[in-house]
PDB file of N, CA and C in Angstrom:
ATOM      1  N   UNK A   1      -5.053 -51.825  68.844  1.00  0.00           N
ATOM      2  CA  UNK A   1      -5.735 -52.818  69.195  1.00  0.00           C
ATOM      3  C   UNK A   1      -7.054 -52.159  70.119  1.00  0.00           C
ATOM      4  N   UNK A   2      -8.404 -52.642  69.636  1.00  0.00           N
ATOM      5  CA  UNK A   2      -9.691 -52.006  70.541  1.00  0.00           C
ATOM      6  C   UNK A   2      -9.669 -52.707  71.576  1.00  0.00           C
ATOM      7  N   UNK A   3     -10.382 -52.296  72.462  1.00  0.00           N
ATOM      8  CA  UNK A   3     -10.705 -53.465  73.785  1.00  0.00           C
ATOM      9  C   UNK A   3     -10.740 -52.716  74.947  1.00  0.00           C
ATOM     10  N   UNK A   4     -11.165 -53.795  75.913  1.00  0.00           N
ATOM     11  CA  UNK A   4     -10.823 -53.545  77.251  1.00  0.00           C
ATOM     12  C   UNK A   4      -9.540 -53.571  77.644  1.00  0.00           C
ATOM     13  N   UNK A   5      -8.861 -52.747  78.373  1.00  0.00           N
ATOM     14  CA  UNK A   5      -7.222 -52.936  78.833  1.00  0.00           C
ATOM     15  C   UNK A   5      -6.978 -53.719  79.540  1.00  0.00           C
ATOM     16  N   UNK A   6      -7.757 -54.540  80.534  1.00  0.00           N
ATOM     17  CA  UNK A   6      -7.965 -55.279  81.297  1.00  0.00           C
ATOM     18  C   UNK A   6      -7.542 -56.671  81.164  1.00  0.00           C
ATOM     19  N   UNK A   7      -8.308 -57.303  79.994  1.00  0.00           N
ATOM     20  CA  UNK A   7      -8.480 -58.264  79.291  1.00  0.00           C
ATOM     21  C   UNK A   7      -6.983 -58.444  78.797  1.00  0.00           C
ATOM     22  N   UNK A   8      -6.402 -57.193  77.719  1.00  0.00           N
ATOM     23  CA  UNK A   8      -5.221 -57.386  77.610  1.00  0.00           C
ATOM     24  C   UNK A   8      -4.097 -57.352  78.452  1.00  0.00           C
ATOM     25  N   UNK A   9      -4.262 -56.770  79.680  1.00  0.00           N
ATOM     26  CA  UNK A   9      -3.352 -57.004  80.969  1.00  0.00           C
ATOM     27  C   UNK A   9      -3.406 -58.358  81.124  1.00  0.00           C
ATOM     28  N   UNK A  10      -4.781 -59.115  81.289  1.00  0.00           N
ATOM     29  CA  UNK A  10      -4.605 -60.658  81.582  1.00  0.00           C
ATOM     30  C   UNK A  10      -4.110 -61.395  81.200  1.00  0.00           C
ATOM     31  N   UNK A  11      -4.568 -61.417  79.880  1.00  0.00           N
ATOM     32  CA  UNK A  11      -3.770 -61.939  78.208  1.00  0.00           C
ATOM     33  C   UNK A  11      -2.402 -61.949  78.398  1.00  0.00           C
ATOM     34  N   UNK A  12      -1.605 -60.854  78.574  1.00  0.00           N
ATOM     35  CA  UNK A  12      -0.199 -60.675  78.621  1.00  0.00           C
ATOM     36  C   UNK A  12       0.118 -61.382  79.433  1.00  0.00           C
ATOM     37  N   UNK A  13      -0.145 -61.422  80.919  1.00  0.00           N
ATOM     38  CA  UNK A  13       0.299 -61.773  82.025  1.00  0.00           C
ATOM     39  C   UNK A  13       0.022 -63.264  82.200  1.00  0.00           C
ATOM     40  N   UNK A  14      -1.017 -63.932  81.448  1.00  0.00           N
ATOM     41  CA  UNK A  14      -1.100 -65.475  81.230  1.00  0.00           C
ATOM     42  C   UNK A  14      -0.168 -65.625  80.491  1.00  0.00           C
ATOM     43  N   UNK A  15       0.270 -65.007  79.124  1.00  0.00           N
ATOM     44  CA  UNK A  15       1.130 -65.339  78.018  1.00  0.00           C
ATOM     45  C   UNK A  15       2.432 -65.561  78.609  1.00  0.00           C
ATOM     46  N   UNK A  16       2.837 -64.242  79.446  1.00  0.00           N
ATOM     47  CA  UNK A  16       4.307 -64.315  79.819  1.00  0.00           C
ATOM     48  C   UNK A  16       4.387 -65.553  81.085  1.00  0.00           C
ATOM     49  N   UNK A  17       3.103 -65.883  81.862  1.00  0.00           N
ATOM     50  CA  UNK A  17       3.331 -67.084  82.852  1.00  0.00           C
ATOM     51  C   UNK A  17       3.894 -68.345  82.039  1.00  0.00           C
ATOM     52  N   UNK A  18       3.262 -68.424  80.763  1.00  0.00           N
ATOM     53  CA  UNK A  18       3.484 -69.464  80.210  1.00  0.00           C
ATOM     54  C   UNK A  18       4.697 -69.741  79.350  1.00  0.00           C
ATOM     55  N   UNK A  19       5.497 -68.836  78.778  1.00  0.00           N
ATOM     56  CA  UNK A  19       6.178 -68.924  78.188  1.00  0.00           C
ATOM     57  C   UNK A  19       7.746 -68.393  78.966  1.00  0.00           C
ATOM     58  N   UNK A  20       7.660 -67.889  79.809  1.00  0.00           N
ATOM     59  CA  UNK A  20       9.129 -67.769  80.786  1.00  0.00           C
ATOM     60  C   UNK A  20       9.872 -68.247  81.196  1.00  0.00           C
ATOM     61  N   UNK A  21       9.232 -69.758  82.067  1.00  0.00           N
ATOM     62  CA  UNK A  21       9.558 -70.499  82.692  1.00  0.00           C
ATOM     63  C   UNK A  21      11.136 -71.153  81.584  1.00  0.00           C
ATOM     64  N   UNK A  22      10.960 -71.443  80.474  1.00  0.00           N
ATOM     65  CA  UNK A  22      11.652 -72.019  79.435  1.00  0.00           C
ATOM     66  C   UNK A  22      12.941 -71.140  79.578  1.00  0.00           C
ATOM     67  N   UNK A  23      12.776 -70.330  78.994  1.00  0.00           N
ATOM     68  CA  UNK A  23      14.088 -69.283  79.072  1.00  0.00           C
ATOM     69  C   UNK A  23      15.012 -68.946  80.074  1.00  0.00           C
ATOM     70  N   UNK A  24      14.153 -68.906  81.234  1.00  0.00           N
ATOM     71  CA  UNK A  24      14.705 -68.936  82.991  1.00  0.00           C
ATOM     72  C   UNK A  24      15.222 -70.155  83.125  1.00  0.00           C
ATOM     73  N   UNK A  25      14.785 -71.562  82.689  1.00  0.00           N
ATOM     74  CA  UNK A  25      15.715 -72.828  82.851  1.00  0.00           C
ATOM     75  C   UNK A  25      16.697 -72.838  82.022  1.00  0.00           C
ATOM     76  N   UNK A  26      16.574 -72.388  81.009  1.00  0.00           N
ATOM     77  CA  UNK A  26      17.887 -72.449  80.033  1.00  0.00           C
ATOM     78  C   UNK A  26      18.939 -71.535  80.274  1.00  0.00           C
ATOM     79  N   UNK A  27      18.359 -70.559  81.146  1.00  0.00           N
ATOM     80  CA  UNK A  27      19.564 -69.363  81.594  1.00  0.00           C
ATOM     81  C   UNK A  27      20.474 -69.752  82.820  1.00  0.00           C
ATOM     82  N   UNK A  28      19.389 -71.073  83.462  1.00  0.00           N
ATOM     83  CA  UNK A  28      19.989 -71.394  84.645  1.00  0.00           C
ATOM     84  C   UNK A  28      20.848 -72.749  84.448  1.00  0.00           C
ATOM     85  N   UNK A  29      21.123 -73.129  83.467  1.00  0.00           N
ATOM     86  CA  UNK A  29      21.558 -74.079  82.612  1.00  0.00           C
ATOM     87  C   UNK A  29      21.156 -75.732  82.834  1.00  0.00           C
ATOM     88  N   UNK A  30      19.828 -75.514  82.542  1.00  0.00           N
ATOM     89  CA  UNK A  30      18.819 -76.754  82.562  1.00  0.00           C
ATOM     90  C   UNK A  30      18.611 -76.769  80.909  1.00  0.00           C
ATOM     91  N   UNK A  31      18.854 -77.884  80.474  1.00  0.00           N
ATOM     92  CA  UNK A  31      18.638 -78.229  78.843  1.00  0.00           C
ATOM     93  C   UNK A  31      17.567 -79.689  78.797  1.00  0.00           C
ATOM     94  N   UNK A  32      16.820 -79.584  77.753  1.00  0.00           N
ATOM     95  CA  UNK A  32      15.945 -80.513  77.481  1.00  0.00           C
ATOM     96  C   UNK A  32      16.504 -81.597  76.951  1.00  0.00           C
ATOM     97  N   UNK A  33      15.954 -82.666  77.651  1.00  0.00           N
ATOM     98  CA  UNK A  33      16.738 -83.978  77.298  1.00  0.00           C
ATOM     99  C   UNK A  33      16.980 -84.232  75.715  1.00  0.00           C
ATOM    100  N   UNK A  34      16.184 -83.911  74.531  1.00  0.00           N
ATOM    101  CA  UNK A  34      16.753 -84.072  73.168  1.00  0.00           C
ATOM    102  C   UNK A  34      17.969 -83.652  73.202  1.00  0.00           C
ATOM    103  N   UNK A  35      18.289 -82.252  73.851  1.00  0.00           N
ATOM    104  CA  UNK A  35      19.284 -81.504  73.594  1.00  0.00           C
ATOM    105  C   UNK A  35      20.596 -82.132  73.855  1.00  0.00           C
ATOM    106  N   UNK A  36      20.382 -83.039  75.021  1.00  0.00           N
ATOM    107  CA  UNK A  36      21.264 -83.348  75.916  1.00  0.00           C
ATOM    108  C   UNK A  36      22.511 -84.653  75.262  1.00  0.00           C
ATOM    109  N   UNK A  37      22.106 -85.241  74.063  1.00  0.00           N
ATOM    110  CA  UNK A  37      22.638 -86.037  73.230  1.00  0.00           C
ATOM    111  C   UNK A  37      24.024 -86.069  73.109  1.00  0.00           C
ATOM    112  N   UNK A  38      24.561 -86.748  73.116  1.00  0.00           N
ATOM    113  CA  UNK A  38      26.316 -86.590  72.552  1.00  0.00           C
ATOM    114  C   UNK A  38      26.425 -86.040  71.282  1.00  0.00           C
ATOM    115  N   UNK A  39      25.249 -86.411  70.078  1.00  0.00           N
ATOM    116  CA  UNK A  39      25.911 -85.854  68.817  1.00  0.00           C
ATOM    117  C   UNK A  39      25.741 -84.196  68.860  1.00  0.00           C
ATOM    118  N   UNK A  40      24.537 -83.925  69.470  1.00  0.00           N
ATOM    119  CA  UNK A  40      24.562 -82.313  69.725  1.00  0.00           C
ATOM    120  C   UNK A  40      25.580 -81.539  70.334  1.00  0.00           C
ATOM    121  N   UNK A  41      25.979 -82.387  71.613  1.00  0.00           N
ATOM    122  CA  UNK A  41      27.024 -82.223  72.193  1.00  0.00           C
ATOM    123  C   UNK A  41      28.452 -82.065  71.700  1.00  0.00           C
ATOM    124  N   UNK A  42      28.903 -82.660  70.897  1.00  0.00           N
ATOM    125  CA  UNK A  42      29.722 -82.878  70.030  1.00  0.00           C
ATOM    126  C   UNK A  42      29.811 -81.923  68.976  1.00  0.00           C
ATOM    127  N   UNK A  43      28.515 -81.886  68.128  1.00  0.00           N
ATOM    128  CA  UNK A  43      28.317 -80.675  67.087  1.00  0.00           C
ATOM    129  C   UNK A  43      28.734 -79.554  68.036  1.00  0.00           C
ATOM    130  N   UNK A  44      28.488 -79.074  69.068  1.00  0.00           N
ATOM    131  CA  UNK A  44      28.906 -77.707  69.848  1.00  0.00           C
ATOM    132  C   UNK A  44      29.974 -77.602  70.135  1.00  0.00           C
ATOM    133  N   UNK A  45      30.743 -78.807  70.434  1.00  0.00           N
ATOM    134  CA  UNK A  45      31.741 -78.943  70.666  1.00  0.00           C
ATOM    135  C   UNK A  45      33.131 -78.464  69.849  1.00  0.00           C
ATOM    136  N   UNK A  46      32.565 -78.772  68.336  1.00  0.00           N
ATOM    137  CA  UNK A  46      33.581 -78.596  67.271  1.00  0.00           C
ATOM    138  C   UNK A  46      32.909 -77.164  66.665  1.00  0.00           C
ATOM    139  N   UNK A  47      32.060 -75.999  67.311  1.00  0.00           N
ATOM    140  CA  UNK A  47      31.534 -75.249  66.708  1.00  0.00           C
ATOM    141  C   UNK A  47      33.077 -73.981  66.639  1.00  0.00           C
ATOM    142  N   UNK A  48      33.146 -73.062  65.858  1.00  0.00           N
ATOM    143  CA  UNK A  48      34.876 -72.466  65.740  1.00  0.00           C
ATOM    144  C   UNK A  48      34.428 -71.177  66.526  1.00  0.00           C
ATOM    145  N   UNK A  49      32.988 -71.031  66.854  1.00  0.00           N
ATOM    146  CA  UNK A  49      32.933 -69.501  67.768  1.00  0.00           C
ATOM    147  C   UNK A  49      32.755 -69.778  69.353  1.00  0.00           C
ATOM    148  N   UNK A  50      33.458 -70.959  69.537  1.00  0.00           N
ATOM    149  CA  UNK A  50      33.108 -71.007  71.056  1.00  0.00           C
ATOM    150  C   UNK A  50      33.749 -70.277  71.680  1.00  0.00           C
ATOM    151  N   UNK A  51      33.384 -69.907  73.199  1.00  0.00           N
ATOM    152  CA  UNK A  51      33.972 -69.110  74.178  1.00  0.00           C
ATOM    153  C   UNK A  51      34.892 -69.403  74.888  1.00  0.00           C
ATOM    154  N   UNK A  52      35.726 -70.226  74.328  1.00  0.00           N
ATOM    155  CA  UNK A  52      36.707 -70.713  75.720  1.00  0.00           C
ATOM    156  C   UNK A  52      38.274 -70.376  74.829  1.00  0.00           C
TER     157      UNK A  52
END
């Protein structure tokens, strides 16, 4: 990658700030509204690889 290293650092910082909140929220237990449906919960409850 040729170019100014400062620009690359700024772009990396911006991309991190835009993309990092969703994985952190998922790890803290938050789920998006479309994944809270009972159909998804039932499908996940029937998975053979559950950790219970």
